[in-house]
Structures are given as C-alpha cells and as structure tokens.
All heavy atoms as atom14 arrays in JSON, in Angstrom:
{
  "sequence": "PNKCKCFPGFTGKTCNQDLNECGLKPRPCEHRCMNTHGSYKCYC",
  "atom14_mask": [
    [1, 1, 1, 1, 1, 1, 1, 0, 0, 0, 0, 0, 0, 0],
    [1, 1, 1, 1, 1, 1, 1, 1, 0, 0, 0, 0, 0, 0],
    [1, 1, 1, 1, 1, 1, 1, 1, 1, 0, 0, 0, 0, 0],
    [1, 1, 1, 1, 1, 1, 0, 0, 0, 0, 0, 0, 0, 0],
    [1, 1, 1, 1, 1, 1, 1, 1, 1, 0, 0, 0, 0, 0],
    [1, 1, 1, 1, 1, 1, 0, 0, 0, 0, 0, 0, 0, 0],
    [1, 1, 1, 1, 1, 1, 1, 1, 1, 1, 1, 0, 0, 0],
    [1, 1, 1, 1, 1, 1, 1, 0, 0, 0, 0, 0, 0, 0],
    [1, 1, 1, 1, 0, 0, 0, 0, 0, 0, 0, 0, 0, 0],
    [1, 1, 1, 1, 1, 1, 1, 1, 1, 1, 1, 0, 0, 0],
    [1, 1, 1, 1, 1, 1, 1, 0, 0, 0, 0, 0, 0, 0],
    [1, 1, 1, 1, 0, 0, 0, 0, 0, 0, 0, 0, 0, 0],
    [1, 1, 1, 1, 1, 1, 1, 1, 1, 0, 0, 0, 0, 0],
    [1, 1, 1, 1, 1, 1, 1, 0, 0, 0, 0, 0, 0, 0],
    [1, 1, 1, 1, 1, 1, 0, 0, 0, 0, 0, 0, 0, 0],
    [1, 1, 1, 1, 1, 1, 1, 1, 0, 0, 0, 0, 0, 0],
    [1, 1, 1, 1, 1, 1, 1, 1, 1, 0, 0, 0, 0, 0],
    [1, 1, 1, 1, 1, 1, 1, 1, 0, 0, 0, 0, 0, 0],
    [1, 1, 1, 1, 1, 1, 1, 1, 0, 0, 0, 0, 0, 0],
    [1, 1, 1, 1, 1, 1, 1, 1, 0, 0, 0, 0, 0, 0],
    [1, 1, 1, 1, 1, 1, 1, 1, 1, 0, 0, 0, 0, 0],
    [1, 1, 1, 1, 1, 1, 0, 0, 0, 0, 0, 0, 0, 0],
    [1, 1, 1, 1, 0, 0, 0, 0, 0, 0, 0, 0, 0, 0],
    [1, 1, 1, 1, 1, 1, 1, 1, 0, 0, 0, 0, 0, 0],
    [1, 1, 1, 1, 1, 1, 1, 1, 1, 0, 0, 0, 0, 0],
    [1, 1, 1, 1, 1, 1, 1, 0, 0, 0, 0, 0, 0, 0],
    [1, 1, 1, 1, 1, 1, 1, 1, 1, 1, 1, 0, 0, 0],
    [1, 1, 1, 1, 1, 1, 1, 0, 0, 0, 0, 0, 0, 0],
    [1, 1, 1, 1, 1, 1, 0, 0, 0, 0, 0, 0, 0, 0],
    [1, 1, 1, 1, 1, 1, 1, 1, 1, 0, 0, 0, 0, 0],
    [1, 1, 1, 1, 1, 1, 1, 1, 1, 1, 0, 0, 0, 0],
    [1, 1, 1, 1, 1, 1, 1, 1, 1, 1, 1, 0, 0, 0],
    [1, 1, 1, 1, 1, 1, 0, 0, 0, 0, 0, 0, 0, 0],
    [1, 1, 1, 1, 1, 1, 1, 1, 0, 0, 0, 0, 0, 0],
    [1, 1, 1, 1, 1, 1, 1, 1, 0, 0, 0, 0, 0, 0],
    [1, 1, 1, 1, 1, 1, 1, 0, 0, 0, 0, 0, 0, 0],
    [1, 1, 1, 1, 1, 1, 1, 1, 1, 1, 0, 0, 0, 0],
    [1, 1, 1, 1, 0, 0, 0, 0, 0, 0, 0, 0, 0, 0],
    [1, 1, 1, 1, 1, 1, 0, 0, 0, 0, 0, 0, 0, 0],
    [1, 1, 1, 1, 1, 1, 1, 1, 1, 1, 1, 1, 0, 0],
    [1, 1, 1, 1, 1, 1, 1, 1, 1, 0, 0, 0, 0, 0],
    [1, 1, 1, 1, 1, 1, 0, 0, 0, 0, 0, 0, 0, 0],
    [1, 1, 1, 1, 1, 1, 1, 1, 1, 1, 1, 1, 0, 0],
    [1, 1, 1, 1, 1, 1, 0, 0, 0, 0, 0, 0, 0, 0]
  ],
  "atom14_positions": [
    [[0.83, -1.21, 0.0], [0.0, 0.0, 0.0], [0.86, 1.26, 0.0], [1.6, 1.5, 0.96], [-0.83, -0.13, 1.29], [-0.74, -1.56, 1.68], [0.57, -2.06, 1.15], [0.0, 0.0, 0.0], [0.0, 0.0, 0.0], [0.0, 0.0, 0.0], [0.0, 0.0, 0.0], [0.0, 0.0, 0.0], [0.0, 0.0, 0.0], [0.0, 0.0, 0.0]],
    [[0.81, 2.0, -1.12], [1.59, 3.23, -1.31], [3.09, 3.04, -1.04], [3.76, 3.91, -0.52], [1.04, 4.37, -0.44], [-0.29, 4.85, -0.98], [-0.56, 4.76, -2.18], [-1.14, 5.34, -0.1], [0.0, 0.0, 0.0], [0.0, 0.0, 0.0], [0.0, 0.0, 0.0], [0.0, 0.0, 0.0], [0.0, 0.0, 0.0], [0.0, 0.0, 0.0]],
    [[3.61, 1.86, -1.41], [5.04, 1.57, -1.23], [5.61, 1.15, -2.58], [5.17, 0.18, -3.19], [5.2, 0.45, -0.22], [6.6, 0.4, 0.34], [6.71, -0.52, 1.53], [8.16, -0.48, 1.98], [8.72, -1.65, 2.44], [0.0, 0.0, 0.0], [0.0, 0.0, 0.0], [0.0, 0.0, 0.0], [0.0, 0.0, 0.0], [0.0, 0.0, 0.0]],
    [[6.6, 1.95, -3.05], [7.21, 1.69, -4.35], [8.59, 1.07, -4.19], [9.32, 1.4, -3.28], [7.39, 3.0, -5.13], [5.85, 3.78, -5.6], [0.0, 0.0, 0.0], [0.0, 0.0, 0.0], [0.0, 0.0, 0.0], [0.0, 0.0, 0.0], [0.0, 0.0, 0.0], [0.0, 0.0, 0.0], [0.0, 0.0, 0.0], [0.0, 0.0, 0.0]],
    [[8.91, 0.16, -5.12], [10.28, -0.38, -5.22], [10.83, 0.18, -6.51], [10.31, -0.11, -7.59], [10.24, -1.9, -5.24], [11.64, -2.51, -5.27], [11.55, -4.03, -5.29], [12.95, -4.61, -5.37], [13.07, -5.63, -6.4], [0.0, 0.0, 0.0], [0.0, 0.0, 0.0], [0.0, 0.0, 0.0], [0.0, 0.0, 0.0], [0.0, 0.0, 0.0]],
    [[11.84, 1.06, -6.39], [12.36, 1.77, -7.56], [13.26, 0.91, -8.42], [14.0, 0.07, -7.91], [13.12, 3.02, -7.13], [12.1, 4.19, -6.2], [0.0, 0.0, 0.0], [0.0, 0.0, 0.0], [0.0, 0.0, 0.0], [0.0, 0.0, 0.0], [0.0, 0.0, 0.0], [0.0, 0.0, 0.0], [0.0, 0.0, 0.0], [0.0, 0.0, 0.0]],
    [[13.2, 1.14, -9.73], [14.14, 0.51, -10.65], [15.52, 1.1, -10.37], [15.62, 2.23, -9.87], [13.75, 0.78, -12.1], [12.41, 0.22, -12.5], [11.57, 0.94, -13.35], [11.98, -1.02, -12.05], [10.34, 0.45, -13.71], [10.74, -1.52, -12.42], [9.91, -0.8, -13.25], [0.0, 0.0, 0.0], [0.0, 0.0, 0.0], [0.0, 0.0, 0.0]],
    [[16.6, 0.36, -10.7], [17.95, 0.91, -10.45], [18.11, 2.28, -11.12], [17.67, 2.48, -12.25], [18.89, -0.11, -11.09], [18.09, -1.37, -11.17], [16.66, -0.96, -11.31], [0.0, 0.0, 0.0], [0.0, 0.0, 0.0], [0.0, 0.0, 0.0], [0.0, 0.0, 0.0], [0.0, 0.0, 0.0], [0.0, 0.0, 0.0], [0.0, 0.0, 0.0]],
    [[18.7, 3.21, -10.39], [18.95, 4.54, -10.95], [17.89, 5.56, -10.6], [18.0, 6.72, -10.99], [0.0, 0.0, 0.0], [0.0, 0.0, 0.0], [0.0, 0.0, 0.0], [0.0, 0.0, 0.0], [0.0, 0.0, 0.0], [0.0, 0.0, 0.0], [0.0, 0.0, 0.0], [0.0, 0.0, 0.0], [0.0, 0.0, 0.0], [0.0, 0.0, 0.0]],
    [[16.83, 5.13, -9.86], [15.76, 6.06, -9.5], [15.47, 6.0, -8.01], [15.75, 5.01, -7.34], [14.48, 5.76, -10.3], [14.65, 6.02, -11.76], [14.97, 4.98, -12.62], [14.55, 7.3, -12.26], [15.17, 5.23, -13.98], [14.74, 7.55, -13.61], [15.05, 6.52, -14.47], [0.0, 0.0, 0.0], [0.0, 0.0, 0.0], [0.0, 0.0, 0.0]],
    [[14.92, 7.1, -7.49], [14.66, 7.2, -6.05], [13.42, 8.06, -5.81], [12.82, 8.56, -6.76], [15.91, 7.79, -5.33], [15.67, 7.78, -3.93], [16.2, 9.22, -5.77], [0.0, 0.0, 0.0], [0.0, 0.0, 0.0], [0.0, 0.0, 0.0], [0.0, 0.0, 0.0], [0.0, 0.0, 0.0], [0.0, 0.0, 0.0], [0.0, 0.0, 0.0]],
    [[13.05, 8.23, -4.56], [11.88, 9.04, -4.19], [10.69, 8.16, -3.85], [10.66, 6.98, -4.18], [0.0, 0.0, 0.0], [0.0, 0.0, 0.0], [0.0, 0.0, 0.0], [0.0, 0.0, 0.0], [0.0, 0.0, 0.0], [0.0, 0.0, 0.0], [0.0, 0.0, 0.0], [0.0, 0.0, 0.0], [0.0, 0.0, 0.0], [0.0, 0.0, 0.0]],
    [[9.7, 8.76, -3.17], [8.52, 8.02, -2.72], [7.76, 7.39, -3.88], [7.23, 6.29, -3.79], [7.61, 8.98, -1.94], [6.67, 8.28, -0.97], [5.98, 9.27, -0.07], [4.7, 8.73, 0.52], [4.85, 7.75, 1.56], [0.0, 0.0, 0.0], [0.0, 0.0, 0.0], [0.0, 0.0, 0.0], [0.0, 0.0, 0.0], [0.0, 0.0, 0.0]],
    [[7.72, 8.1, -5.02], [7.01, 7.56, -6.2], [8.0, 7.19, -7.31], [7.61, 7.03, -8.45], [5.98, 8.58, -6.73], [6.67, 9.78, -7.08], [4.91, 8.9, -5.72], [0.0, 0.0, 0.0], [0.0, 0.0, 0.0], [0.0, 0.0, 0.0], [0.0, 0.0, 0.0], [0.0, 0.0, 0.0], [0.0, 0.0, 0.0], [0.0, 0.0, 0.0]],
    [[9.28, 7.07, -6.96], [10.34, 6.7, -7.91], [10.38, 7.63, -9.12], [10.64, 7.21, -10.24], [10.18, 5.25, -8.39], [10.22, 4.05, -7.06], [0.0, 0.0, 0.0], [0.0, 0.0, 0.0], [0.0, 0.0, 0.0], [0.0, 0.0, 0.0], [0.0, 0.0, 0.0], [0.0, 0.0, 0.0], [0.0, 0.0, 0.0], [0.0, 0.0, 0.0]],
    [[10.11, 8.92, -8.88], [10.06, 9.87, -10.0], [11.33, 10.7, -10.1], [11.45, 11.53, -10.97], [8.83, 10.79, -9.86], [8.91, 11.66, -8.61], [9.62, 11.34, -7.66], [8.19, 12.75, -8.6], [0.0, 0.0, 0.0], [0.0, 0.0, 0.0], [0.0, 0.0, 0.0], [0.0, 0.0, 0.0], [0.0, 0.0, 0.0], [0.0, 0.0, 0.0]],
    [[12.28, 10.46, -9.18], [13.51, 11.25, -9.2], [14.69, 10.41, -9.65], [14.81, 9.24, -9.28], [13.82, 11.78, -7.78], [12.81, 12.76, -7.27], [12.88, 12.89, -5.75], [13.69, 12.25, -5.09], [12.02, 13.72, -5.19], [0.0, 0.0, 0.0], [0.0, 0.0, 0.0], [0.0, 0.0, 0.0], [0.0, 0.0, 0.0], [0.0, 0.0, 0.0]],
    [[15.54, 11.04, -10.45], [16.76, 10.38, -10.91], [17.73, 10.31, -9.73], [17.92, 11.28, -9.01], [17.36, 11.2, -12.06], [18.74, 10.73, -12.43], [18.88, 9.54, -12.76], [19.69, 11.53, -12.37], [0.0, 0.0, 0.0], [0.0, 0.0, 0.0], [0.0, 0.0, 0.0], [0.0, 0.0, 0.0], [0.0, 0.0, 0.0], [0.0, 0.0, 0.0]],
    [[18.34, 9.14, -9.53], [19.33, 8.97, -8.47], [20.68, 9.44, -9.0], [21.1, 9.02, -10.07], [19.42, 7.5, -8.06], [20.49, 7.11, -7.04], [20.18, 7.66, -5.67], [20.62, 5.6, -6.97], [0.0, 0.0, 0.0], [0.0, 0.0, 0.0], [0.0, 0.0, 0.0], [0.0, 0.0, 0.0], [0.0, 0.0, 0.0], [0.0, 0.0, 0.0]],
    [[21.34, 10.34, -8.28], [22.65, 10.81, -8.71], [23.72, 9.84, -8.18], [24.21, 9.99, -7.07], [22.91, 12.23, -8.21], [24.25, 12.76, -8.67], [25.0, 12.09, -9.38], [24.58, 13.98, -8.26], [0.0, 0.0, 0.0], [0.0, 0.0, 0.0], [0.0, 0.0, 0.0], [0.0, 0.0, 0.0], [0.0, 0.0, 0.0], [0.0, 0.0, 0.0]],
    [[24.04, 8.83, -9.02], [25.0, 7.8, -8.59], [26.37, 8.39, -8.32], [27.16, 7.83, -7.56], [25.14, 6.71, -9.67], [23.92, 5.85, -9.87], [22.93, 6.43, -10.88], [23.1, 7.6, -11.33], [21.99, 5.72, -11.24], [0.0, 0.0, 0.0], [0.0, 0.0, 0.0], [0.0, 0.0, 0.0], [0.0, 0.0, 0.0], [0.0, 0.0, 0.0]],
    [[26.68, 9.54, -8.96], [28.0, 10.16, -8.79], [28.2, 10.65, -7.36], [29.33, 10.82, -6.92], [28.16, 11.31, -9.78], [28.09, 10.76, -11.5], [0.0, 0.0, 0.0], [0.0, 0.0, 0.0], [0.0, 0.0, 0.0], [0.0, 0.0, 0.0], [0.0, 0.0, 0.0], [0.0, 0.0, 0.0], [0.0, 0.0, 0.0], [0.0, 0.0, 0.0]],
    [[27.12, 10.87, -6.63], [27.21, 11.35, -5.25], [27.24, 10.23, -4.22], [27.33, 10.48, -3.02], [0.0, 0.0, 0.0], [0.0, 0.0, 0.0], [0.0, 0.0, 0.0], [0.0, 0.0, 0.0], [0.0, 0.0, 0.0], [0.0, 0.0, 0.0], [0.0, 0.0, 0.0], [0.0, 0.0, 0.0], [0.0, 0.0, 0.0], [0.0, 0.0, 0.0]],
    [[27.15, 8.97, -4.68], [27.12, 7.83, -3.75], [28.5, 7.55, -3.18], [29.52, 7.87, -3.78], [26.61, 6.56, -4.47], [25.18, 6.56, -5.0], [24.91, 5.28, -5.76], [24.17, 6.69, -3.86], [0.0, 0.0, 0.0], [0.0, 0.0, 0.0], [0.0, 0.0, 0.0], [0.0, 0.0, 0.0], [0.0, 0.0, 0.0], [0.0, 0.0, 0.0]],
    [[28.51, 6.95, -1.99], [29.76, 6.48, -1.37], [29.68, 4.96, -1.3], [28.66, 4.45, -0.85], [29.89, 7.05, 0.06], [29.96, 8.57, 0.11], [31.4, 9.07, 0.07], [31.53, 10.55, 0.31], [31.31, 11.43, -0.78], [0.0, 0.0, 0.0], [0.0, 0.0, 0.0], [0.0, 0.0, 0.0], [0.0, 0.0, 0.0], [0.0, 0.0, 0.0]],
    [[30.66, 4.18, -1.71], [31.85, 4.64, -2.43], [31.49, 5.13, -3.84], [30.51, 4.69, -4.41], [32.72, 3.36, -2.49], [31.74, 2.24, -2.45], [30.59, 2.72, -1.59], [0.0, 0.0, 0.0], [0.0, 0.0, 0.0], [0.0, 0.0, 0.0], [0.0, 0.0, 0.0], [0.0, 0.0, 0.0], [0.0, 0.0, 0.0], [0.0, 0.0, 0.0]],
    [[32.3, 6.04, -4.37], [32.03, 6.6, -5.69], [32.13, 5.51, -6.75], [33.04, 4.69, -6.71], [33.02, 7.73, -5.98], [32.76, 8.95, -5.1], [33.61, 10.13, -5.47], [33.34, 10.56, -6.84], [34.28, 10.84, -7.73], [35.55, 10.73, -7.4], [33.96, 11.24, -8.93], [0.0, 0.0, 0.0], [0.0, 0.0, 0.0], [0.0, 0.0, 0.0]],
    [[31.2, 5.5, -7.71], [31.23, 4.42, -8.71], [32.35, 4.55, -9.74], [32.69, 3.59, -10.4], [29.86, 4.53, -9.39], [29.44, 5.95, -9.18], [30.06, 6.41, -7.91], [0.0, 0.0, 0.0], [0.0, 0.0, 0.0], [0.0, 0.0, 0.0], [0.0, 0.0, 0.0], [0.0, 0.0, 0.0], [0.0, 0.0, 0.0], [0.0, 0.0, 0.0]],
    [[32.92, 5.74, -9.87], [33.99, 5.96, -10.85], [35.26, 6.41, -10.15], [35.21, 7.14, -9.17], [33.59, 7.04, -11.86], [32.03, 6.72, -12.71], [0.0, 0.0, 0.0], [0.0, 0.0, 0.0], [0.0, 0.0, 0.0], [0.0, 0.0, 0.0], [0.0, 0.0, 0.0], [0.0, 0.0, 0.0], [0.0, 0.0, 0.0], [0.0, 0.0, 0.0]],
    [[36.39, 5.99, -10.7], [37.67, 6.35, -10.08], [38.01, 7.82, -10.29], [38.44, 8.5, -9.37], [38.78, 5.46, -10.64], [40.08, 5.62, -9.88], [41.21, 4.75, -10.43], [41.0, 4.01, -11.41], [42.3, 4.84, -9.87], [0.0, 0.0, 0.0], [0.0, 0.0, 0.0], [0.0, 0.0, 0.0], [0.0, 0.0, 0.0], [0.0, 0.0, 0.0]],
    [[37.82, 8.34, -11.52], [38.19, 9.72, -11.81], [36.97, 10.62, -11.9], [36.61, 11.27, -10.94], [38.98, 9.8, -13.12], [40.41, 9.37, -12.98], [41.32, 9.5, -13.98], [41.07, 8.8, -11.93], [42.5, 9.04, -13.57], [42.36, 8.6, -12.34], [0.0, 0.0, 0.0], [0.0, 0.0, 0.0], [0.0, 0.0, 0.0], [0.0, 0.0, 0.0]],
    [[36.34, 10.63, -13.07], [35.2, 11.52, -13.26], [33.93, 10.74, -13.5], [33.95, 9.66, -14.08], [35.46, 12.44, -14.46], [36.5, 13.5, -14.16], [36.71, 14.35, -15.37], [37.62, 15.44, -15.12], [38.18, 16.17, -16.07], [37.93, 15.91, -17.33], [38.99, 17.16, -15.78], [0.0, 0.0, 0.0], [0.0, 0.0, 0.0], [0.0, 0.0, 0.0]],
    [[32.84, 11.35, -13.08], [31.53, 10.69, -13.18], [30.53, 11.67, -13.78], [30.52, 12.84, -13.43], [31.1, 10.28, -11.77], [29.53, 9.42, -11.69], [0.0, 0.0, 0.0], [0.0, 0.0, 0.0], [0.0, 0.0, 0.0], [0.0, 0.0, 0.0], [0.0, 0.0, 0.0], [0.0, 0.0, 0.0], [0.0, 0.0, 0.0], [0.0, 0.0, 0.0]],
    [[29.71, 11.19, -14.72], [28.65, 12.03, -15.29], [27.31, 11.36, -15.02], [27.09, 10.21, -15.45], [28.84, 12.21, -16.81], [27.77, 13.1, -17.43], [27.86, 13.07, -19.22], [28.22, 14.79, -19.56], [0.0, 0.0, 0.0], [0.0, 0.0, 0.0], [0.0, 0.0, 0.0], [0.0, 0.0, 0.0], [0.0, 0.0, 0.0], [0.0, 0.0, 0.0]],
    [[26.44, 12.04, -14.3], [25.12, 11.49, -14.01], [24.26, 11.59, -15.26], [24.28, 12.58, -15.96], [24.46, 12.27, -12.86], [23.16, 11.63, -12.42], [23.09, 10.43, -12.21], [22.12, 12.43, -12.3], [0.0, 0.0, 0.0], [0.0, 0.0, 0.0], [0.0, 0.0, 0.0], [0.0, 0.0, 0.0], [0.0, 0.0, 0.0], [0.0, 0.0, 0.0]],
    [[23.52, 10.52, -15.58], [22.59, 10.53, -16.71], [21.23, 10.1, -16.18], [21.12, 9.63, -15.05], [23.04, 9.55, -17.82], [23.06, 8.22, -17.29], [24.42, 9.9, -18.37], [0.0, 0.0, 0.0], [0.0, 0.0, 0.0], [0.0, 0.0, 0.0], [0.0, 0.0, 0.0], [0.0, 0.0, 0.0], [0.0, 0.0, 0.0], [0.0, 0.0, 0.0]],
    [[20.18, 10.22, -16.99], [18.83, 9.87, -16.56], [18.75, 8.36, -16.29], [18.86, 7.56, -17.21], [17.83, 10.27, -17.65], [16.4, 10.08, -17.25], [15.8, 10.82, -16.25], [15.45, 9.23, -17.7], [14.56, 10.43, -16.12], [14.31, 9.47, -16.98], [0.0, 0.0, 0.0], [0.0, 0.0, 0.0], [0.0, 0.0, 0.0], [0.0, 0.0, 0.0]],
    [[18.65, 7.99, -15.01], [18.51, 6.58, -14.63], [19.83, 5.82, -14.6], [19.84, 4.63, -14.35], [0.0, 0.0, 0.0], [0.0, 0.0, 0.0], [0.0, 0.0, 0.0], [0.0, 0.0, 0.0], [0.0, 0.0, 0.0], [0.0, 0.0, 0.0], [0.0, 0.0, 0.0], [0.0, 0.0, 0.0], [0.0, 0.0, 0.0], [0.0, 0.0, 0.0]],
    [[20.95, 6.5, -14.86], [22.22, 5.8, -14.89], [23.37, 6.79, -14.68], [23.16, 7.89, -14.17], [22.37, 5.06, -16.22], [23.51, 4.23, -16.19], [0.0, 0.0, 0.0], [0.0, 0.0, 0.0], [0.0, 0.0, 0.0], [0.0, 0.0, 0.0], [0.0, 0.0, 0.0], [0.0, 0.0, 0.0], [0.0, 0.0, 0.0], [0.0, 0.0, 0.0]],
    [[24.59, 6.4, -15.09], [25.75, 7.27, -15.0], [26.82, 6.76, -15.95], [26.75, 5.62, -16.43], [26.29, 7.31, -13.57], [26.87, 5.99, -13.09], [28.25, 5.75, -13.16], [26.05, 4.99, -12.58], [28.77, 4.53, -12.75], [26.57, 3.78, -12.17], [27.93, 3.55, -12.25], [28.45, 2.34, -11.84], [0.0, 0.0, 0.0], [0.0, 0.0, 0.0]],
    [[27.83, 7.59, -16.23], [28.95, 7.18, -17.09], [30.24, 7.58, -16.39], [30.33, 8.64, -15.78], [28.9, 7.93, -18.43], [27.75, 7.47, -19.34], [28.18, 6.38, -20.29], [27.01, 5.75, -21.0], [26.75, 6.19, -22.29], [0.0, 0.0, 0.0], [0.0, 0.0, 0.0], [0.0, 0.0, 0.0], [0.0, 0.0, 0.0], [0.0, 0.0, 0.0]],
    [[31.25, 6.71, -16.49], [32.57, 7.01, -15.95], [33.47, 7.47, -17.09], [33.35, 6.97, -18.2], [33.21, 5.76, -15.34], [32.32, 5.11, -13.91], [0.0, 0.0, 0.0], [0.0, 0.0, 0.0], [0.0, 0.0, 0.0], [0.0, 0.0, 0.0], [0.0, 0.0, 0.0], [0.0, 0.0, 0.0], [0.0, 0.0, 0.0], [0.0, 0.0, 0.0]],
    [[34.35, 8.4, -16.8], [35.39, 8.73, -17.77], [36.64, 9.17, -17.01], [36.58, 9.49, -15.83], [34.93, 9.74, -18.82], [34.34, 11.02, -18.33], [35.09, 12.18, -18.28], [33.0, 11.08, -17.95], [34.54, 13.37, -17.85], [32.44, 12.27, -17.51], [33.22, 13.41, -17.46], [32.68, 14.58, -17.03], [0.0, 0.0, 0.0], [0.0, 0.0, 0.0]],
    [[37.76, 9.14, -17.69], [39.06, 9.34, -17.04], [39.67, 10.68, -17.39], [39.34, 11.29, -18.41], [40.02, 8.23, -17.46], [39.41, 6.59, -17.01], [0.0, 0.0, 0.0], [0.0, 0.0, 0.0], [0.0, 0.0, 0.0], [0.0, 0.0, 0.0], [0.0, 0.0, 0.0], [0.0, 0.0, 0.0], [0.0, 0.0, 0.0], [0.0, 0.0, 0.0]]
  ]
}
C-alpha cells in the first residue's frame, strides 16, 4: 500500500527522481563521473 520499489537509478517516494549515482559512497567511478537519466557514465 503506497510503497514503491524503484528501478535501479531512481529514487523518491514515487520513484520519480533520478538517483545521482555520482554522489554515492563509495564513488562508482575512479576519476570523473557524469550522471545521466537513470544511470551514469565514468570517464578518465
């Protein structure tokens, strides 16, 4: 009841917000990280 399980890369009560993976700890990329809609990209 009014409980959502978000797909990977999304967050919020209704899973309507993009999750900024670049801000997560531990960081997903060693050098630079670019957040994208529902995902992210690493580059050096």
